[in-house]
Amino acid sequence: MTAVSEPLIPLGQIVNTHAIRGELRVRLYNPSSQTLTVGMRVTLRRGDACLEYVISALRPHRQLILLTLEGCDSMTAAEALVGHEICIHAADLPPPAAGEIYHFQLIGLAVETTTGEHLGTVEEVMATGSADVCVVRSQGREFLIPMIDDVVKAVDRESGRIVIDPLPGLLDS
């Protein structure tokens, strides 16, 4: 275990222990994610405190995964890790497929319409059943922008903006 620095990408949270040999129950933020693998170095974060571990085993368990970390081999050791987020460095993420982008890459992007009206910046991204939704805020206003082709016309990370063509009623308060 060593202290590490940011930036870290959270993938899930340790929600409980499992059995008596240090196994952890983890709820992934993206339940279909295959990012975590045996041998991967992960960072556990709670507040400003970070601990680094290597995954020694993992397996699915209902809507969770069961995770074993090197050096965590007792219930007492595992209990101390409940509540930590499991994170990895952005450089350790697999590259997104063509036309895809990670949620964390959308945070902070400016959002404007095709007519040039500035709506605000993306403050969070919500995963819904059908499409991800960007929460855009500015000057006390909030817009929920679905990340669908009919609305999003361009995502330009280099210039730091998303251009949308809002459907009727999308921007109504």
N, C-alpha and C. Protein backbone atom coordinates (compact mmCIF):
# COMPACT_ATOMS: atom_id res chain seq x y z
N MET A 1 0.84 -1.19 0.00
CA MET A 1 0.00 0.00 0.00
C MET A 1 0.88 1.24 0.00
N THR A 2 0.56 2.16 -0.90
CA THR A 2 1.28 3.43 -0.95
C THR A 2 0.31 4.54 -1.28
N ALA A 3 0.66 5.73 -0.90
CA ALA A 3 -0.16 6.88 -1.25
C ALA A 3 0.07 7.22 -2.71
N VAL A 4 -0.98 7.65 -3.41
CA VAL A 4 -0.87 8.00 -4.82
C VAL A 4 -1.50 9.37 -5.04
N SER A 5 -1.24 9.94 -6.19
CA SER A 5 -1.81 11.24 -6.51
C SER A 5 -2.87 11.11 -7.59
N GLU A 6 -3.63 12.16 -7.79
CA GLU A 6 -4.68 12.21 -8.80
C GLU A 6 -4.04 12.31 -10.18
N PRO A 7 -4.69 12.25 -11.30
CA PRO A 7 -6.13 12.08 -11.45
C PRO A 7 -6.53 10.61 -11.47
N LEU A 8 -7.64 10.32 -10.85
CA LEU A 8 -8.14 8.96 -10.77
C LEU A 8 -9.56 8.89 -11.34
N ILE A 9 -9.88 7.76 -11.95
CA ILE A 9 -11.21 7.54 -12.51
C ILE A 9 -11.91 6.49 -11.65
N PRO A 10 -13.00 6.86 -10.97
CA PRO A 10 -13.72 5.89 -10.14
C PRO A 10 -14.50 4.89 -11.00
N LEU A 11 -14.38 3.61 -10.68
CA LEU A 11 -15.09 2.57 -11.40
C LEU A 11 -16.19 1.93 -10.57
N GLY A 12 -16.10 2.04 -9.24
CA GLY A 12 -17.09 1.42 -8.39
C GLY A 12 -16.78 1.68 -6.94
N GLN A 13 -17.58 1.07 -6.07
CA GLN A 13 -17.40 1.28 -4.64
C GLN A 13 -17.48 -0.06 -3.91
N ILE A 14 -16.61 -0.20 -2.90
CA ILE A 14 -16.64 -1.38 -2.04
C ILE A 14 -17.82 -1.20 -1.09
N VAL A 15 -18.79 -2.11 -1.17
CA VAL A 15 -20.02 -1.95 -0.39
C VAL A 15 -20.08 -2.88 0.82
N ASN A 16 -19.25 -3.94 0.82
CA ASN A 16 -19.27 -4.85 1.95
C ASN A 16 -18.15 -5.87 1.80
N THR A 17 -18.00 -6.70 2.81
CA THR A 17 -17.06 -7.82 2.75
C THR A 17 -17.83 -9.05 2.30
N HIS A 18 -17.08 -10.11 1.98
CA HIS A 18 -17.70 -11.37 1.59
C HIS A 18 -16.88 -12.50 2.20
N ALA A 19 -17.51 -13.30 3.04
CA ALA A 19 -16.85 -14.43 3.70
C ALA A 19 -15.76 -13.93 4.65
N ILE A 20 -14.77 -14.77 4.95
CA ILE A 20 -13.81 -14.42 6.00
C ILE A 20 -12.37 -14.27 5.50
N ARG A 21 -12.12 -14.43 4.21
CA ARG A 21 -10.74 -14.40 3.71
C ARG A 21 -10.36 -13.11 3.00
N GLY A 22 -11.08 -12.03 3.26
CA GLY A 22 -10.69 -10.74 2.72
C GLY A 22 -11.33 -10.37 1.40
N GLU A 23 -12.28 -11.16 0.94
CA GLU A 23 -12.95 -10.84 -0.32
C GLU A 23 -13.87 -9.64 -0.11
N LEU A 24 -14.00 -8.81 -1.15
CA LEU A 24 -14.78 -7.58 -1.07
C LEU A 24 -15.93 -7.60 -2.07
N ARG A 25 -17.07 -7.07 -1.66
CA ARG A 25 -18.20 -6.90 -2.58
C ARG A 25 -18.10 -5.50 -3.17
N VAL A 26 -18.11 -5.44 -4.50
CA VAL A 26 -17.94 -4.17 -5.20
C VAL A 26 -19.12 -3.93 -6.12
N ARG A 27 -19.70 -2.72 -6.03
CA ARG A 27 -20.74 -2.30 -6.96
C ARG A 27 -20.07 -1.40 -7.99
N LEU A 28 -20.06 -1.88 -9.24
CA LEU A 28 -19.47 -1.09 -10.32
C LEU A 28 -20.45 -0.01 -10.75
N TYR A 29 -19.94 1.16 -11.07
CA TYR A 29 -20.80 2.24 -11.57
C TYR A 29 -21.35 1.89 -12.94
N ASN A 30 -20.60 1.14 -13.73
CA ASN A 30 -21.06 0.61 -15.01
C ASN A 30 -21.05 -0.92 -14.87
N PRO A 31 -22.20 -1.52 -14.55
CA PRO A 31 -22.22 -2.96 -14.27
C PRO A 31 -21.72 -3.84 -15.40
N SER A 32 -21.73 -3.36 -16.63
CA SER A 32 -21.25 -4.18 -17.74
C SER A 32 -19.76 -3.99 -18.02
N SER A 33 -19.10 -3.16 -17.25
CA SER A 33 -17.68 -2.87 -17.47
C SER A 33 -16.82 -4.12 -17.29
N GLN A 34 -15.86 -4.27 -18.17
CA GLN A 34 -14.88 -5.35 -18.11
C GLN A 34 -13.48 -4.77 -17.86
N THR A 35 -13.40 -3.55 -17.34
CA THR A 35 -12.13 -2.85 -17.18
C THR A 35 -11.24 -3.50 -16.13
N LEU A 36 -11.80 -3.90 -15.00
CA LEU A 36 -10.98 -4.49 -13.93
C LEU A 36 -10.56 -5.90 -14.32
N THR A 37 -9.27 -6.20 -14.13
CA THR A 37 -8.74 -7.52 -14.46
C THR A 37 -7.75 -7.96 -13.39
N VAL A 38 -7.54 -9.26 -13.29
CA VAL A 38 -6.56 -9.81 -12.36
C VAL A 38 -5.18 -9.28 -12.75
N GLY A 39 -4.41 -8.87 -11.74
CA GLY A 39 -3.08 -8.31 -11.97
C GLY A 39 -3.05 -6.80 -12.14
N MET A 40 -4.22 -6.19 -12.28
CA MET A 40 -4.31 -4.73 -12.47
C MET A 40 -4.07 -4.01 -11.15
N ARG A 41 -3.37 -2.90 -11.23
CA ARG A 41 -3.15 -2.03 -10.07
C ARG A 41 -4.34 -1.07 -9.98
N VAL A 42 -4.93 -1.02 -8.78
CA VAL A 42 -6.06 -0.13 -8.53
C VAL A 42 -5.74 0.76 -7.34
N THR A 43 -6.45 1.87 -7.26
CA THR A 43 -6.31 2.78 -6.14
C THR A 43 -7.64 2.83 -5.42
N LEU A 44 -7.61 2.64 -4.11
CA LEU A 44 -8.81 2.76 -3.29
C LEU A 44 -8.79 4.15 -2.68
N ARG A 45 -9.91 4.86 -2.84
CA ARG A 45 -9.96 6.25 -2.39
C ARG A 45 -11.15 6.46 -1.48
N ARG A 46 -10.89 7.14 -0.38
CA ARG A 46 -11.96 7.60 0.51
C ARG A 46 -11.55 9.00 0.93
N GLY A 47 -12.31 9.99 0.49
CA GLY A 47 -11.92 11.38 0.74
C GLY A 47 -10.61 11.67 0.04
N ASP A 48 -9.64 12.20 0.78
CA ASP A 48 -8.33 12.51 0.22
C ASP A 48 -7.34 11.37 0.38
N ALA A 49 -7.73 10.33 1.13
CA ALA A 49 -6.81 9.21 1.38
C ALA A 49 -6.89 8.18 0.25
N CYS A 50 -5.73 7.76 -0.22
CA CYS A 50 -5.65 6.78 -1.30
C CYS A 50 -4.69 5.65 -0.92
N LEU A 51 -5.08 4.43 -1.28
CA LEU A 51 -4.25 3.25 -1.06
C LEU A 51 -4.16 2.49 -2.37
N GLU A 52 -3.00 1.95 -2.67
CA GLU A 52 -2.81 1.24 -3.92
C GLU A 52 -2.71 -0.27 -3.66
N TYR A 53 -3.40 -1.03 -4.49
CA TYR A 53 -3.42 -2.50 -4.38
C TYR A 53 -3.34 -3.11 -5.77
N VAL A 54 -3.11 -4.42 -5.80
CA VAL A 54 -3.16 -5.20 -7.04
C VAL A 54 -4.27 -6.22 -6.89
N ILE A 55 -5.10 -6.37 -7.93
CA ILE A 55 -6.19 -7.33 -7.91
C ILE A 55 -5.61 -8.74 -8.07
N SER A 56 -5.93 -9.62 -7.13
CA SER A 56 -5.46 -11.00 -7.23
C SER A 56 -6.55 -11.96 -7.71
N ALA A 57 -7.81 -11.57 -7.57
CA ALA A 57 -8.92 -12.40 -8.08
C ALA A 57 -10.17 -11.54 -8.17
N LEU A 58 -11.03 -11.89 -9.11
CA LEU A 58 -12.34 -11.25 -9.19
C LEU A 58 -13.29 -12.18 -9.90
N ARG A 59 -14.56 -12.07 -9.52
CA ARG A 59 -15.61 -12.89 -10.13
C ARG A 59 -16.95 -12.20 -9.95
N PRO A 60 -17.88 -12.45 -10.87
CA PRO A 60 -19.21 -11.85 -10.74
C PRO A 60 -19.98 -12.50 -9.60
N HIS A 61 -20.86 -11.73 -8.98
CA HIS A 61 -21.71 -12.23 -7.90
C HIS A 61 -22.98 -11.39 -7.89
N ARG A 62 -24.06 -11.94 -8.44
CA ARG A 62 -25.33 -11.22 -8.58
C ARG A 62 -25.10 -9.92 -9.35
N GLN A 63 -25.49 -8.77 -8.79
CA GLN A 63 -25.26 -7.49 -9.48
C GLN A 63 -23.93 -6.85 -9.06
N LEU A 64 -23.10 -7.59 -8.35
CA LEU A 64 -21.82 -7.08 -7.85
C LEU A 64 -20.68 -7.90 -8.45
N ILE A 65 -19.46 -7.51 -8.08
CA ILE A 65 -18.32 -8.39 -8.32
C ILE A 65 -17.66 -8.64 -6.97
N LEU A 66 -17.07 -9.81 -6.84
CA LEU A 66 -16.29 -10.14 -5.66
C LEU A 66 -14.84 -9.97 -6.04
N LEU A 67 -14.12 -9.23 -5.23
CA LEU A 67 -12.76 -8.81 -5.55
C LEU A 67 -11.83 -9.19 -4.40
N THR A 68 -10.67 -9.75 -4.76
CA THR A 68 -9.64 -10.03 -3.78
C THR A 68 -8.42 -9.20 -4.14
N LEU A 69 -7.85 -8.53 -3.15
CA LEU A 69 -6.68 -7.68 -3.35
C LEU A 69 -5.48 -8.30 -2.66
N GLU A 70 -4.32 -8.19 -3.29
CA GLU A 70 -3.09 -8.67 -2.67
C GLU A 70 -2.88 -7.95 -1.34
N GLY A 71 -2.59 -8.72 -0.29
CA GLY A 71 -2.36 -8.14 1.03
C GLY A 71 -3.61 -7.97 1.86
N CYS A 72 -4.77 -8.20 1.28
CA CYS A 72 -6.03 -8.12 2.02
C CYS A 72 -6.55 -9.55 2.16
N ASP A 73 -6.17 -10.21 3.25
CA ASP A 73 -6.46 -11.64 3.36
C ASP A 73 -7.22 -12.02 4.62
N SER A 74 -7.91 -11.05 5.22
CA SER A 74 -8.73 -11.35 6.40
C SER A 74 -9.97 -10.47 6.40
N MET A 75 -10.96 -10.89 7.16
CA MET A 75 -12.18 -10.09 7.27
C MET A 75 -11.86 -8.73 7.88
N THR A 76 -10.97 -8.69 8.84
CA THR A 76 -10.59 -7.43 9.49
C THR A 76 -9.98 -6.46 8.47
N ALA A 77 -9.07 -6.97 7.64
CA ALA A 77 -8.46 -6.12 6.61
C ALA A 77 -9.50 -5.64 5.61
N ALA A 78 -10.41 -6.53 5.22
CA ALA A 78 -11.45 -6.18 4.26
C ALA A 78 -12.42 -5.15 4.83
N GLU A 79 -12.79 -5.30 6.09
CA GLU A 79 -13.73 -4.36 6.71
C GLU A 79 -13.20 -2.93 6.69
N ALA A 80 -11.90 -2.77 6.80
CA ALA A 80 -11.29 -1.43 6.78
C ALA A 80 -11.41 -0.77 5.41
N LEU A 81 -11.71 -1.55 4.37
CA LEU A 81 -11.78 -1.00 3.01
C LEU A 81 -13.21 -0.71 2.55
N VAL A 82 -14.20 -1.15 3.31
CA VAL A 82 -15.60 -0.88 2.95
C VAL A 82 -15.81 0.63 2.89
N GLY A 83 -16.47 1.07 1.82
CA GLY A 83 -16.74 2.49 1.63
C GLY A 83 -15.76 3.18 0.70
N HIS A 84 -14.63 2.54 0.42
CA HIS A 84 -13.66 3.13 -0.52
C HIS A 84 -14.17 2.99 -1.96
N GLU A 85 -13.83 3.97 -2.79
CA GLU A 85 -14.06 3.86 -4.22
C GLU A 85 -12.89 3.12 -4.84
N ILE A 86 -13.17 2.31 -5.85
CA ILE A 86 -12.10 1.66 -6.61
C ILE A 86 -11.86 2.51 -7.84
N CYS A 87 -10.61 2.96 -7.99
CA CYS A 87 -10.26 3.87 -9.08
C CYS A 87 -9.06 3.33 -9.84
N ILE A 88 -8.92 3.81 -11.07
CA ILE A 88 -7.71 3.57 -11.85
C ILE A 88 -7.29 4.89 -12.47
N HIS A 89 -6.06 4.95 -12.90
CA HIS A 89 -5.57 6.14 -13.60
C HIS A 89 -6.17 6.17 -15.01
N ALA A 90 -6.46 7.33 -15.52
CA ALA A 90 -7.06 7.46 -16.85
C ALA A 90 -6.22 6.76 -17.91
N ALA A 91 -4.89 6.78 -17.75
CA ALA A 91 -4.01 6.14 -18.74
C ALA A 91 -4.20 4.64 -18.78
N ASP A 92 -4.78 4.05 -17.72
CA ASP A 92 -4.99 2.60 -17.67
C ASP A 92 -6.33 2.18 -18.27
N LEU A 93 -7.16 3.13 -18.66
CA LEU A 93 -8.43 2.80 -19.30
C LEU A 93 -8.19 2.31 -20.72
N PRO A 94 -8.98 1.35 -21.18
CA PRO A 94 -8.87 0.97 -22.59
C PRO A 94 -9.35 2.14 -23.45
N PRO A 95 -8.78 2.29 -24.64
CA PRO A 95 -9.24 3.40 -25.49
C PRO A 95 -10.71 3.22 -25.85
N PRO A 96 -11.47 4.32 -25.87
CA PRO A 96 -12.88 4.19 -26.25
C PRO A 96 -13.00 3.81 -27.72
N ALA A 97 -14.07 3.13 -28.05
CA ALA A 97 -14.33 2.77 -29.45
C ALA A 97 -14.63 4.04 -30.24
N ALA A 98 -14.56 3.93 -31.54
CA ALA A 98 -14.85 5.07 -32.42
C ALA A 98 -16.24 5.63 -32.10
N GLY A 99 -16.34 6.93 -31.95
CA GLY A 99 -17.61 7.57 -31.66
C GLY A 99 -18.02 7.51 -30.20
N GLU A 100 -17.16 6.96 -29.33
CA GLU A 100 -17.47 6.88 -27.92
C GLU A 100 -16.56 7.82 -27.13
N ILE A 101 -17.00 8.16 -25.92
CA ILE A 101 -16.22 9.03 -25.05
C ILE A 101 -16.54 8.62 -23.61
N TYR A 102 -15.56 8.71 -22.75
CA TYR A 102 -15.80 8.42 -21.34
C TYR A 102 -16.52 9.59 -20.69
N HIS A 103 -17.36 9.27 -19.68
CA HIS A 103 -18.11 10.31 -18.97
C HIS A 103 -17.19 11.39 -18.42
N PHE A 104 -16.07 10.99 -17.80
CA PHE A 104 -15.20 11.98 -17.18
C PHE A 104 -14.63 12.96 -18.21
N GLN A 105 -14.58 12.56 -19.47
CA GLN A 105 -14.06 13.45 -20.52
C GLN A 105 -15.08 14.52 -20.92
N LEU A 106 -16.33 14.32 -20.56
CA LEU A 106 -17.37 15.31 -20.86
C LEU A 106 -17.47 16.40 -19.80
N ILE A 107 -17.08 16.06 -18.57
CA ILE A 107 -17.19 17.02 -17.47
C ILE A 107 -16.33 18.26 -17.77
N GLY A 108 -16.95 19.42 -17.62
CA GLY A 108 -16.24 20.68 -17.85
C GLY A 108 -16.33 21.22 -19.26
N LEU A 109 -16.88 20.43 -20.20
CA LEU A 109 -17.02 20.94 -21.56
C LEU A 109 -18.14 21.97 -21.63
N ALA A 110 -17.94 23.02 -22.40
CA ALA A 110 -18.97 24.02 -22.63
C ALA A 110 -20.00 23.44 -23.60
N VAL A 111 -21.25 23.82 -23.41
CA VAL A 111 -22.32 23.35 -24.30
C VAL A 111 -22.95 24.57 -24.95
N GLU A 112 -23.06 24.49 -26.29
CA GLU A 112 -23.69 25.58 -27.03
C GLU A 112 -24.56 24.99 -28.13
N THR A 113 -25.51 25.80 -28.58
CA THR A 113 -26.40 25.36 -29.65
C THR A 113 -25.73 25.62 -31.00
N THR A 114 -26.32 25.05 -32.03
CA THR A 114 -25.80 25.27 -33.39
C THR A 114 -25.90 26.73 -33.80
N THR A 115 -26.73 27.52 -33.10
CA THR A 115 -26.84 28.95 -33.39
C THR A 115 -25.88 29.78 -32.55
N GLY A 116 -25.07 29.12 -31.71
CA GLY A 116 -24.05 29.81 -30.93
C GLY A 116 -24.47 30.22 -29.54
N GLU A 117 -25.68 29.86 -29.10
CA GLU A 117 -26.13 30.21 -27.75
C GLU A 117 -25.40 29.34 -26.72
N HIS A 118 -24.71 29.99 -25.78
CA HIS A 118 -23.99 29.26 -24.72
C HIS A 118 -24.99 28.85 -23.65
N LEU A 119 -25.02 27.53 -23.32
CA LEU A 119 -25.96 27.02 -22.33
C LEU A 119 -25.34 26.80 -20.96
N GLY A 120 -24.03 26.57 -20.92
CA GLY A 120 -23.36 26.30 -19.66
C GLY A 120 -22.30 25.23 -19.84
N THR A 121 -21.91 24.60 -18.74
CA THR A 121 -20.90 23.55 -18.80
C THR A 121 -21.46 22.26 -18.22
N VAL A 122 -20.90 21.15 -18.70
CA VAL A 122 -21.31 19.83 -18.21
C VAL A 122 -20.73 19.66 -16.81
N GLU A 123 -21.62 19.46 -15.83
CA GLU A 123 -21.17 19.27 -14.45
C GLU A 123 -21.23 17.82 -14.02
N GLU A 124 -22.08 17.03 -14.67
CA GLU A 124 -22.13 15.60 -14.38
C GLU A 124 -22.77 14.89 -15.55
N VAL A 125 -22.61 13.57 -15.57
CA VAL A 125 -23.21 12.75 -16.62
C VAL A 125 -23.96 11.63 -15.92
N MET A 126 -25.22 11.46 -16.31
CA MET A 126 -26.04 10.40 -15.73
C MET A 126 -26.22 9.29 -16.76
N ALA A 127 -26.00 8.07 -16.33
CA ALA A 127 -26.26 6.92 -17.19
C ALA A 127 -27.71 6.51 -16.98
N THR A 128 -28.48 6.53 -18.04
CA THR A 128 -29.87 6.09 -17.97
C THR A 128 -29.99 4.81 -18.78
N GLY A 129 -31.14 4.24 -18.80
CA GLY A 129 -31.31 2.99 -19.54
C GLY A 129 -31.15 3.14 -21.03
N SER A 130 -31.54 4.28 -21.58
CA SER A 130 -31.53 4.42 -23.03
C SER A 130 -30.38 5.27 -23.56
N ALA A 131 -30.06 6.36 -22.88
CA ALA A 131 -28.99 7.25 -23.35
C ALA A 131 -28.39 7.98 -22.15
N ASP A 132 -27.11 8.26 -22.23
CA ASP A 132 -26.47 9.07 -21.19
C ASP A 132 -27.01 10.50 -21.30
N VAL A 133 -27.06 11.18 -20.15
CA VAL A 133 -27.60 12.55 -20.11
C VAL A 133 -26.59 13.45 -19.42
N CYS A 134 -26.22 14.53 -20.10
CA CYS A 134 -25.32 15.53 -19.52
C CYS A 134 -26.14 16.54 -18.73
N VAL A 135 -25.71 16.80 -17.49
CA VAL A 135 -26.34 17.84 -16.67
C VAL A 135 -25.52 19.10 -16.90
N VAL A 136 -26.14 20.09 -17.52
CA VAL A 136 -25.48 21.33 -17.91
C VAL A 136 -26.04 22.46 -17.06
N ARG A 137 -25.13 23.20 -16.40
CA ARG A 137 -25.57 24.27 -15.52
C ARG A 137 -24.86 25.58 -15.86
N SER A 138 -25.62 26.68 -15.68
CA SER A 138 -25.07 28.02 -15.84
C SER A 138 -26.03 29.03 -15.25
N GLN A 139 -25.51 29.91 -14.42
CA GLN A 139 -26.26 31.03 -13.86
C GLN A 139 -27.62 30.60 -13.31
N GLY A 140 -27.63 29.57 -12.49
CA GLY A 140 -28.85 29.12 -11.86
C GLY A 140 -29.78 28.29 -12.71
N ARG A 141 -29.44 28.07 -13.95
CA ARG A 141 -30.26 27.25 -14.84
C ARG A 141 -29.62 25.88 -15.01
N GLU A 142 -30.46 24.90 -15.24
CA GLU A 142 -29.98 23.54 -15.47
C GLU A 142 -30.68 22.95 -16.68
N PHE A 143 -29.91 22.30 -17.53
CA PHE A 143 -30.45 21.62 -18.70
C PHE A 143 -30.00 20.17 -18.67
N LEU A 144 -30.89 19.28 -19.06
CA LEU A 144 -30.57 17.86 -19.18
C LEU A 144 -30.48 17.55 -20.67
N ILE A 145 -29.26 17.30 -21.13
CA ILE A 145 -29.01 17.11 -22.55
C ILE A 145 -28.75 15.63 -22.84
N PRO A 146 -29.65 14.95 -23.56
CA PRO A 146 -29.41 13.55 -23.88
C PRO A 146 -28.31 13.43 -24.94
N MET A 147 -27.43 12.48 -24.74
CA MET A 147 -26.32 12.27 -25.67
C MET A 147 -26.78 11.34 -26.80
N ILE A 148 -27.67 11.88 -27.65
CA ILE A 148 -28.20 11.13 -28.78
C ILE A 148 -27.88 11.89 -30.06
N ASP A 149 -27.80 11.15 -31.16
CA ASP A 149 -27.42 11.75 -32.45
C ASP A 149 -28.37 12.86 -32.90
N ASP A 150 -29.66 12.75 -32.55
CA ASP A 150 -30.62 13.78 -32.95
C ASP A 150 -30.35 15.12 -32.27
N VAL A 151 -29.64 15.10 -31.14
CA VAL A 151 -29.38 16.33 -30.38
C VAL A 151 -27.92 16.75 -30.49
N VAL A 152 -27.00 15.85 -30.22
CA VAL A 152 -25.57 16.19 -30.19
C VAL A 152 -25.01 16.16 -31.61
N LYS A 153 -24.52 17.30 -32.04
CA LYS A 153 -23.98 17.40 -33.39
C LYS A 153 -22.46 17.31 -33.41
N ALA A 154 -21.80 17.68 -32.31
CA ALA A 154 -20.33 17.59 -32.24
C ALA A 154 -19.88 17.58 -30.79
N VAL A 155 -18.89 16.74 -30.53
CA VAL A 155 -18.18 16.76 -29.24
C VAL A 155 -16.72 17.02 -29.61
N ASP A 156 -16.24 18.19 -29.26
CA ASP A 156 -14.88 18.59 -29.61
C ASP A 156 -14.09 18.83 -28.32
N ARG A 157 -13.41 17.77 -27.87
CA ARG A 157 -12.66 17.88 -26.62
C ARG A 157 -11.50 18.87 -26.75
N GLU A 158 -10.92 18.96 -27.93
CA GLU A 158 -9.77 19.87 -28.11
C GLU A 158 -10.17 21.32 -27.91
N SER A 159 -11.35 21.70 -28.36
CA SER A 159 -11.80 23.08 -28.16
C SER A 159 -12.66 23.19 -26.89
N GLY A 160 -12.93 22.06 -26.24
CA GLY A 160 -13.65 22.08 -24.98
C GLY A 160 -15.12 22.37 -25.10
N ARG A 161 -15.78 21.85 -26.16
CA ARG A 161 -17.20 22.17 -26.31
C ARG A 161 -18.00 21.03 -26.93
N ILE A 162 -19.28 21.10 -26.65
CA ILE A 162 -20.28 20.22 -27.25
C ILE A 162 -21.27 21.12 -27.97
N VAL A 163 -21.58 20.79 -29.21
CA VAL A 163 -22.56 21.56 -29.98
C VAL A 163 -23.82 20.72 -30.11
N ILE A 164 -24.95 21.33 -29.75
CA ILE A 164 -26.21 20.60 -29.83
C ILE A 164 -27.21 21.34 -30.71
N ASP A 165 -28.16 20.58 -31.27
CA ASP A 165 -29.31 21.11 -31.98
C ASP A 165 -30.51 20.64 -31.17
N PRO A 166 -31.00 21.48 -30.24
CA PRO A 166 -32.01 21.02 -29.29
C PRO A 166 -33.34 20.67 -29.97
N LEU A 167 -33.91 19.56 -29.52
CA LEU A 167 -35.24 19.19 -29.97
C LEU A 167 -36.23 20.19 -29.38
N PRO A 168 -37.40 20.37 -30.00
CA PRO A 168 -38.39 21.29 -29.45
C PRO A 168 -38.71 20.96 -27.99
N GLY A 169 -38.68 21.98 -27.14
CA GLY A 169 -38.99 21.82 -25.73
C GLY A 169 -37.82 21.42 -24.84
N LEU A 170 -36.70 21.02 -25.42
CA LEU A 170 -35.57 20.55 -24.62
C LEU A 170 -35.01 21.63 -23.70
N LEU A 171 -35.01 22.86 -24.14
CA LEU A 171 -34.43 23.94 -23.35
C LEU A 171 -35.47 24.76 -22.60
N ASP A 172 -36.74 24.36 -22.67
CA ASP A 172 -37.79 25.07 -21.94
C ASP A 172 -37.63 24.87 -20.46
N SER A 173 -37.85 25.92 -19.70
CA SER A 173 -37.73 25.84 -18.23
C SER A 173 -38.97 25.27 -17.60
